[in-house]
Amino acid sequence: MKIIVTESQYNFIKRRIDWIDPIVRKEMRDQEPCYYKLKFGLEDGMEKYFKTVIQSSSDFILQDFDDYWTIDREEELRREEMIKNELEGVYGDEIKNKFIKVNCKFKKDLYF
């Protein structure tokens, strides 16, 4: 799937990268890729890890909007979709590479 980032979406990320970047990196750590890799395997694990990191990052970003608690469900879903698409475009390869490169050899006993 190819994601096209419009100028306004690009500006959304660019203007907020100092705020967004730590959120995404924290989620990449907190979602522990070895859990997904060992439990679901390489392919399914990567998909689940990727979607979880994107979704949880999007949730944190969305809830930080000043008007989050006053918007209706339709607007919430529209913003969530925009944020997730942008995160996938900017961080997608990095999230997948982290999953692929992580060494889980010594972590198996921690999860199972």
N, C-alpha and C. Protein backbone atom coordinates (compact mmCIF):
# COMPACT_ATOMS: atom_id res chain seq x y z
N MET A 1 0.84 -1.17 0.00
CA MET A 1 0.00 0.00 0.00
C MET A 1 0.89 1.24 0.00
N LYS A 2 0.61 2.17 -0.90
CA LYS A 2 1.38 3.40 -0.99
C LYS A 2 0.58 4.51 -0.33
N ILE A 3 1.26 5.26 0.51
CA ILE A 3 0.60 6.35 1.23
C ILE A 3 1.08 7.67 0.63
N ILE A 4 0.14 8.51 0.26
CA ILE A 4 0.46 9.83 -0.27
C ILE A 4 0.23 10.84 0.84
N VAL A 5 1.27 11.60 1.16
CA VAL A 5 1.17 12.60 2.20
C VAL A 5 1.01 13.96 1.53
N THR A 6 -0.08 14.63 1.79
CA THR A 6 -0.32 15.94 1.21
C THR A 6 0.53 16.98 1.92
N GLU A 7 0.60 18.16 1.33
CA GLU A 7 1.38 19.25 1.92
C GLU A 7 0.87 19.57 3.33
N SER A 8 -0.44 19.64 3.52
CA SER A 8 -0.97 19.97 4.84
C SER A 8 -0.65 18.87 5.86
N GLN A 9 -0.70 17.61 5.42
CA GLN A 9 -0.35 16.52 6.33
C GLN A 9 1.14 16.56 6.66
N TYR A 10 1.96 16.82 5.65
CA TYR A 10 3.40 16.90 5.87
C TYR A 10 3.69 18.01 6.88
N ASN A 11 3.03 19.15 6.71
CA ASN A 11 3.24 20.26 7.62
C ASN A 11 2.79 19.91 9.04
N PHE A 12 1.74 19.11 9.15
CA PHE A 12 1.29 18.68 10.47
C PHE A 12 2.41 17.95 11.19
N ILE A 13 3.05 17.02 10.50
CA ILE A 13 4.15 16.26 11.10
C ILE A 13 5.35 17.15 11.35
N LYS A 14 5.73 17.91 10.34
CA LYS A 14 6.93 18.75 10.43
C LYS A 14 6.84 19.74 11.60
N ARG A 15 5.70 20.35 11.76
CA ARG A 15 5.53 21.33 12.83
C ARG A 15 5.54 20.69 14.21
N ARG A 16 5.25 19.41 14.29
CA ARG A 16 5.09 18.75 15.59
C ARG A 16 6.10 17.61 15.82
N ILE A 17 7.12 17.52 15.00
CA ILE A 17 8.02 16.37 15.08
C ILE A 17 8.70 16.27 16.45
N ASP A 18 9.01 17.39 17.07
CA ASP A 18 9.63 17.34 18.40
C ASP A 18 8.70 16.77 19.45
N TRP A 19 7.43 16.89 19.22
CA TRP A 19 6.41 16.37 20.14
C TRP A 19 6.05 14.93 19.78
N ILE A 20 5.95 14.62 18.49
CA ILE A 20 5.51 13.30 18.03
C ILE A 20 6.61 12.24 18.15
N ASP A 21 7.82 12.61 17.80
CA ASP A 21 8.92 11.64 17.76
C ASP A 21 9.11 10.89 19.08
N PRO A 22 9.16 11.56 20.23
CA PRO A 22 9.33 10.81 21.48
C PRO A 22 8.17 9.85 21.78
N ILE A 23 6.97 10.22 21.36
CA ILE A 23 5.81 9.35 21.58
C ILE A 23 5.97 8.05 20.79
N VAL A 24 6.33 8.17 19.53
CA VAL A 24 6.47 6.98 18.68
C VAL A 24 7.62 6.11 19.16
N ARG A 25 8.73 6.72 19.49
CA ARG A 25 9.90 5.94 19.96
C ARG A 25 9.59 5.24 21.29
N LYS A 26 8.86 5.89 22.15
CA LYS A 26 8.47 5.25 23.42
C LYS A 26 7.57 4.05 23.16
N GLU A 27 6.63 4.20 22.25
CA GLU A 27 5.75 3.08 21.92
C GLU A 27 6.51 1.94 21.26
N MET A 28 7.51 2.24 20.45
CA MET A 28 8.32 1.17 19.84
C MET A 28 9.05 0.37 20.92
N ARG A 29 9.46 1.04 21.99
CA ARG A 29 10.11 0.33 23.11
C ARG A 29 9.08 -0.38 23.98
N ASP A 30 8.02 0.33 24.35
CA ASP A 30 7.03 -0.21 25.28
C ASP A 30 6.27 -1.41 24.72
N GLN A 31 6.08 -1.45 23.43
CA GLN A 31 5.34 -2.55 22.83
C GLN A 31 6.21 -3.80 22.62
N GLU A 32 7.38 -3.82 23.14
CA GLU A 32 8.31 -4.95 23.16
C GLU A 32 8.19 -5.87 21.95
N PRO A 33 8.98 -5.64 20.93
CA PRO A 33 8.90 -6.42 19.70
C PRO A 33 9.13 -7.92 19.91
N CYS A 34 9.92 -8.31 20.89
CA CYS A 34 10.17 -9.74 21.11
C CYS A 34 8.89 -10.48 21.50
N TYR A 35 8.03 -9.84 22.24
CA TYR A 35 6.76 -10.48 22.59
C TYR A 35 6.00 -10.87 21.33
N TYR A 36 5.87 -9.93 20.41
CA TYR A 36 5.13 -10.18 19.17
C TYR A 36 5.86 -11.19 18.29
N LYS A 37 7.17 -11.10 18.22
CA LYS A 37 7.95 -12.00 17.38
C LYS A 37 7.87 -13.43 17.89
N LEU A 38 8.00 -13.61 19.20
CA LEU A 38 8.00 -14.96 19.77
C LEU A 38 6.60 -15.56 19.83
N LYS A 39 5.60 -14.75 20.07
CA LYS A 39 4.24 -15.26 20.20
C LYS A 39 3.57 -15.52 18.85
N PHE A 40 3.79 -14.61 17.88
CA PHE A 40 3.06 -14.69 16.62
C PHE A 40 3.92 -15.03 15.41
N GLY A 41 5.22 -15.10 15.57
CA GLY A 41 6.10 -15.38 14.44
C GLY A 41 6.50 -14.11 13.72
N LEU A 42 7.34 -14.27 12.73
CA LEU A 42 7.92 -13.12 12.06
C LEU A 42 6.88 -12.30 11.30
N GLU A 43 6.10 -12.91 10.45
CA GLU A 43 5.18 -12.16 9.60
C GLU A 43 3.99 -11.61 10.38
N ASP A 44 3.25 -12.48 11.08
CA ASP A 44 2.09 -12.01 11.86
C ASP A 44 2.53 -11.12 13.01
N GLY A 45 3.65 -11.45 13.61
CA GLY A 45 4.17 -10.64 14.72
C GLY A 45 4.49 -9.23 14.27
N MET A 46 5.12 -9.11 13.10
CA MET A 46 5.46 -7.78 12.60
C MET A 46 4.21 -6.97 12.33
N GLU A 47 3.22 -7.59 11.73
CA GLU A 47 1.97 -6.88 11.44
C GLU A 47 1.30 -6.40 12.72
N LYS A 48 1.24 -7.28 13.72
CA LYS A 48 0.59 -6.91 14.99
C LYS A 48 1.40 -5.83 15.72
N TYR A 49 2.71 -5.97 15.74
CA TYR A 49 3.58 -4.98 16.37
C TYR A 49 3.42 -3.63 15.68
N PHE A 50 3.49 -3.63 14.37
CA PHE A 50 3.38 -2.41 13.58
C PHE A 50 2.05 -1.70 13.86
N LYS A 51 0.96 -2.45 13.77
CA LYS A 51 -0.36 -1.85 13.98
C LYS A 51 -0.53 -1.33 15.40
N THR A 52 0.01 -2.05 16.37
CA THR A 52 -0.10 -1.63 17.77
C THR A 52 0.69 -0.36 18.03
N VAL A 53 1.91 -0.28 17.51
CA VAL A 53 2.72 0.93 17.69
C VAL A 53 2.03 2.13 17.05
N ILE A 54 1.53 1.95 15.84
CA ILE A 54 0.86 3.05 15.14
C ILE A 54 -0.41 3.46 15.89
N GLN A 55 -1.22 2.50 16.28
CA GLN A 55 -2.49 2.80 16.97
C GLN A 55 -2.26 3.48 18.31
N SER A 56 -1.36 2.93 19.12
CA SER A 56 -1.14 3.52 20.44
C SER A 56 -0.50 4.91 20.33
N SER A 57 0.41 5.09 19.38
CA SER A 57 1.00 6.42 19.16
C SER A 57 -0.08 7.40 18.74
N SER A 58 -0.92 6.97 17.82
CA SER A 58 -2.02 7.81 17.34
C SER A 58 -2.95 8.20 18.49
N ASP A 59 -3.25 7.27 19.36
CA ASP A 59 -4.12 7.55 20.50
C ASP A 59 -3.53 8.64 21.40
N PHE A 60 -2.24 8.52 21.71
CA PHE A 60 -1.59 9.50 22.56
C PHE A 60 -1.55 10.88 21.90
N ILE A 61 -1.26 10.90 20.61
CA ILE A 61 -1.20 12.17 19.88
C ILE A 61 -2.58 12.81 19.82
N LEU A 62 -3.58 12.03 19.47
CA LEU A 62 -4.94 12.53 19.33
C LEU A 62 -5.46 13.10 20.65
N GLN A 63 -5.19 12.43 21.74
CA GLN A 63 -5.68 12.89 23.04
C GLN A 63 -4.98 14.15 23.53
N ASP A 64 -3.88 14.49 22.90
CA ASP A 64 -3.15 15.69 23.29
C ASP A 64 -3.66 16.95 22.59
N PHE A 65 -4.58 16.81 21.64
CA PHE A 65 -5.18 17.97 21.01
C PHE A 65 -6.02 18.71 22.05
N ASP A 66 -5.97 20.03 22.01
CA ASP A 66 -6.70 20.83 23.00
C ASP A 66 -8.20 20.56 22.99
N ASP A 67 -8.75 20.29 21.83
CA ASP A 67 -10.20 20.12 21.72
C ASP A 67 -10.65 18.66 21.69
N TYR A 68 -9.76 17.75 22.02
CA TYR A 68 -10.07 16.32 21.90
C TYR A 68 -11.37 15.94 22.61
N TRP A 69 -11.58 16.43 23.78
CA TRP A 69 -12.73 16.01 24.60
C TRP A 69 -14.04 16.65 24.16
N THR A 70 -13.98 17.55 23.19
CA THR A 70 -15.20 18.21 22.72
C THR A 70 -15.58 17.85 21.29
N ILE A 71 -14.73 17.14 20.57
CA ILE A 71 -15.04 16.81 19.18
C ILE A 71 -15.99 15.61 19.12
N ASP A 72 -16.74 15.51 18.03
CA ASP A 72 -17.65 14.38 17.88
C ASP A 72 -16.89 13.17 17.34
N ARG A 73 -17.55 12.03 17.35
CA ARG A 73 -16.92 10.76 16.96
C ARG A 73 -16.43 10.79 15.51
N GLU A 74 -17.19 11.40 14.64
CA GLU A 74 -16.80 11.47 13.22
C GLU A 74 -15.48 12.23 13.05
N GLU A 75 -15.36 13.36 13.74
CA GLU A 75 -14.13 14.15 13.67
C GLU A 75 -12.97 13.39 14.31
N GLU A 76 -13.23 12.70 15.38
CA GLU A 76 -12.19 11.89 16.04
C GLU A 76 -11.65 10.83 15.08
N LEU A 77 -12.54 10.14 14.40
CA LEU A 77 -12.12 9.10 13.45
C LEU A 77 -11.36 9.69 12.27
N ARG A 78 -11.79 10.85 11.80
CA ARG A 78 -11.10 11.51 10.69
C ARG A 78 -9.67 11.87 11.09
N ARG A 79 -9.53 12.46 12.26
CA ARG A 79 -8.19 12.83 12.75
C ARG A 79 -7.32 11.60 13.00
N GLU A 80 -7.93 10.59 13.60
CA GLU A 80 -7.18 9.37 13.89
C GLU A 80 -6.63 8.75 12.61
N GLU A 81 -7.45 8.68 11.59
CA GLU A 81 -7.02 8.11 10.31
C GLU A 81 -5.89 8.93 9.69
N MET A 82 -6.00 10.26 9.74
CA MET A 82 -4.96 11.13 9.22
C MET A 82 -3.64 10.89 9.96
N ILE A 83 -3.71 10.86 11.27
CA ILE A 83 -2.51 10.67 12.09
C ILE A 83 -1.88 9.31 11.81
N LYS A 84 -2.68 8.26 11.77
CA LYS A 84 -2.14 6.92 11.52
C LYS A 84 -1.48 6.85 10.14
N ASN A 85 -2.10 7.42 9.13
CA ASN A 85 -1.51 7.42 7.79
C ASN A 85 -0.17 8.15 7.78
N GLU A 86 -0.12 9.27 8.46
CA GLU A 86 1.12 10.04 8.52
C GLU A 86 2.21 9.29 9.28
N LEU A 87 1.84 8.69 10.39
CA LEU A 87 2.82 7.92 11.17
C LEU A 87 3.36 6.75 10.36
N GLU A 88 2.49 6.07 9.64
CA GLU A 88 2.94 4.96 8.80
C GLU A 88 3.93 5.44 7.74
N GLY A 89 3.65 6.60 7.15
CA GLY A 89 4.53 7.14 6.13
C GLY A 89 5.88 7.57 6.66
N VAL A 90 5.88 8.17 7.82
CA VAL A 90 7.12 8.71 8.39
C VAL A 90 7.91 7.64 9.15
N TYR A 91 7.22 6.79 9.91
CA TYR A 91 7.90 5.85 10.80
C TYR A 91 7.78 4.38 10.38
N GLY A 92 7.04 4.10 9.33
CA GLY A 92 6.76 2.71 8.96
C GLY A 92 8.00 1.84 8.80
N ASP A 93 8.95 2.31 8.01
CA ASP A 93 10.17 1.52 7.78
C ASP A 93 10.97 1.34 9.06
N GLU A 94 11.04 2.39 9.86
CA GLU A 94 11.80 2.30 11.11
C GLU A 94 11.17 1.30 12.08
N ILE A 95 9.86 1.30 12.17
CA ILE A 95 9.17 0.35 13.05
C ILE A 95 9.42 -1.08 12.58
N LYS A 96 9.30 -1.32 11.30
CA LYS A 96 9.53 -2.66 10.74
C LYS A 96 10.98 -3.09 10.92
N ASN A 97 11.92 -2.18 10.70
CA ASN A 97 13.33 -2.53 10.86
C ASN A 97 13.67 -2.86 12.31
N LYS A 98 13.09 -2.12 13.23
CA LYS A 98 13.33 -2.43 14.65
C LYS A 98 12.84 -3.84 14.97
N PHE A 99 11.67 -4.19 14.46
CA PHE A 99 11.12 -5.51 14.70
C PHE A 99 12.04 -6.59 14.11
N ILE A 100 12.47 -6.40 12.89
CA ILE A 100 13.32 -7.39 12.21
C ILE A 100 14.65 -7.56 12.92
N LYS A 101 15.25 -6.46 13.34
CA LYS A 101 16.61 -6.49 13.88
C LYS A 101 16.71 -6.90 15.35
N VAL A 102 15.61 -6.85 16.07
CA VAL A 102 15.67 -7.14 17.50
C VAL A 102 16.08 -8.60 17.74
N ASN A 103 16.98 -8.80 18.69
CA ASN A 103 17.46 -10.13 19.03
C ASN A 103 16.66 -10.63 20.23
N CYS A 104 15.89 -11.67 20.02
CA CYS A 104 15.02 -12.19 21.07
C CYS A 104 15.55 -13.50 21.67
N LYS A 105 16.75 -13.85 21.35
CA LYS A 105 17.32 -15.13 21.77
C LYS A 105 17.23 -15.35 23.28
N PHE A 106 17.51 -14.33 24.05
CA PHE A 106 17.56 -14.48 25.51
C PHE A 106 16.27 -14.03 26.20
N LYS A 107 15.26 -13.69 25.44
CA LYS A 107 14.04 -13.17 26.02
C LYS A 107 12.89 -14.17 26.02
N LYS A 108 13.07 -15.32 25.44
CA LYS A 108 11.98 -16.27 25.32
C LYS A 108 11.41 -16.64 26.68
N ASP A 109 12.25 -16.83 27.66
CA ASP A 109 11.79 -17.21 29.00
C ASP A 109 11.00 -16.11 29.70
N LEU A 110 11.17 -14.87 29.27
CA LEU A 110 10.44 -13.76 29.89
C LEU A 110 8.96 -13.77 29.54
N TYR A 111 8.63 -14.29 28.38
CA TYR A 111 7.26 -14.19 27.89
C TYR A 111 6.48 -15.50 27.97
N PHE A 112 7.18 -16.61 27.99
CA PHE A 112 6.45 -17.88 27.93
C PHE A 112 7.01 -18.88 28.92
